[in-house]
Amino acid sequence: MITRKTIQVGGVEMTIETGKMAGLANGSVTVQYGETIVLCTATAAAKPDFSR
């Protein structure tokens, strides 16, 4: 399911979207502000692996 929210910030559209990209990550979001787009992802494991 894709969730998208668009608001005006300083006269420029900012869109926050989740559920479209990086489906293998535990969580991901893209933020678009004007012509700039940022992809943020997060992953996690059930148990920590300190050998890395």
C-alpha atoms as a PDB file:
ATOM      1  CA  MET A   1       0.000   0.000   0.000  1.00  0.00           C
ATOM      2  CA  ILE A   2       1.438   3.360  -1.027  1.00  0.00           C
ATOM      3  CA  THR A   3       0.827   6.244   1.358  1.00  0.00           C
ATOM      4  CA  ARG A   4       1.485   9.806   0.201  1.00  0.00           C
ATOM      5  CA  LYS A   5       1.091  13.175   1.917  1.00  0.00           C
ATOM      6  CA  THR A   6       1.793  16.521   0.213  1.00  0.00           C
ATOM      7  CA  ILE A   7       2.025  19.867   2.000  1.00  0.00           C
ATOM      8  CA  GLN A   8       3.299  23.363   1.221  1.00  0.00           C
ATOM      9  CA  VAL A   9       6.508  24.380   3.023  1.00  0.00           C
ATOM     10  CA  GLY A  10       7.882  27.834   2.305  1.00  0.00           C
ATOM     11  CA  GLY A  11       5.818  28.046  -0.876  1.00  0.00           C
ATOM     12  CA  VAL A  12       7.282  24.773  -2.219  1.00  0.00           C
ATOM     13  CA  GLU A  13       5.517  21.395  -2.316  1.00  0.00           C
ATOM     14  CA  MET A  14       6.938  18.717  -0.027  1.00  0.00           C
ATOM     15  CA  THR A  15       5.759  15.139  -0.607  1.00  0.00           C
ATOM     16  CA  ILE A  16       6.387  12.292   1.841  1.00  0.00           C
ATOM     17  CA  GLU A  17       5.728   8.818   0.454  1.00  0.00           C
ATOM     18  CA  THR A  18       6.079   5.299   1.839  1.00  0.00           C
ATOM     19  CA  GLY A  19       5.330   1.819   0.520  1.00  0.00           C
ATOM     20  CA  LYS A  20       6.604   2.340  -3.033  1.00  0.00           C
ATOM     21  CA  MET A  21      10.386   1.783  -2.943  1.00  0.00           C
ATOM     22  CA  ALA A  22      12.859  -0.442  -1.034  1.00  0.00           C
ATOM     23  CA  GLY A  23      10.362  -3.198  -0.304  1.00  0.00           C
ATOM     24  CA  LEU A  24      13.045  -5.446   1.228  1.00  0.00           C
ATOM     25  CA  ALA A  25      13.899  -2.880   3.919  1.00  0.00           C
ATOM     26  CA  ASN A  26      11.979  -2.942   7.194  1.00  0.00           C
ATOM     27  CA  GLY A  27      10.936   0.642   6.526  1.00  0.00           C
ATOM     28  CA  SER A  28      11.487   3.225   3.810  1.00  0.00           C
ATOM     29  CA  VAL A  29      10.304   6.698   2.915  1.00  0.00           C
ATOM     30  CA  THR A  30      10.978   9.136   0.097  1.00  0.00           C
ATOM     31  CA  VAL A  31      10.786  12.869   0.698  1.00  0.00           C
ATOM     32  CA  GLN A  32      10.560  15.248  -2.254  1.00  0.00           C
ATOM     33  CA  TYR A  33      11.017  18.987  -1.761  1.00  0.00           C
ATOM     34  CA  GLY A  34      10.914  20.873  -5.033  1.00  0.00           C
ATOM     35  CA  GLU A  35      13.333  19.075  -7.355  1.00  0.00           C
ATOM     36  CA  THR A  36      15.231  17.289  -4.552  1.00  0.00           C
ATOM     37  CA  ILE A  37      14.342  13.696  -3.602  1.00  0.00           C
ATOM     38  CA  VAL A  38      15.783  11.766  -0.637  1.00  0.00           C
ATOM     39  CA  LEU A  39      15.300   8.032   0.024  1.00  0.00           C
ATOM     40  CA  CYS A  40      15.679   6.895   3.648  1.00  0.00           C
ATOM     41  CA  THR A  41      15.637   3.212   4.609  1.00  0.00           C
ATOM     42  CA  ALA A  42      15.914   1.278   7.851  1.00  0.00           C
ATOM     43  CA  THR A  43      16.671  -2.389   8.493  1.00  0.00           C
ATOM     44  CA  ALA A  44      16.777  -4.451  11.655  1.00  0.00           C
ATOM     45  CA  ALA A  45      17.637  -7.966  12.816  1.00  0.00           C
ATOM     46  CA  ALA A  46      15.999 -10.064  15.501  1.00  0.00           C
ATOM     47  CA  LYS A  47      19.358 -10.505  17.252  1.00  0.00           C
ATOM     48  CA  PRO A  48      22.358  -8.148  17.176  1.00  0.00           C
ATOM     49  CA  ASP A  49      25.458  -9.430  15.342  1.00  0.00           C
ATOM     50  CA  PHE A  50      28.517  -7.768  16.884  1.00  0.00           C
ATOM     51  CA  SER A  51      30.972  -9.746  14.707  1.00  0.00           C
ATOM     52  CA  ARG A  52      30.629  -7.217  11.860  1.00  0.00           C
END
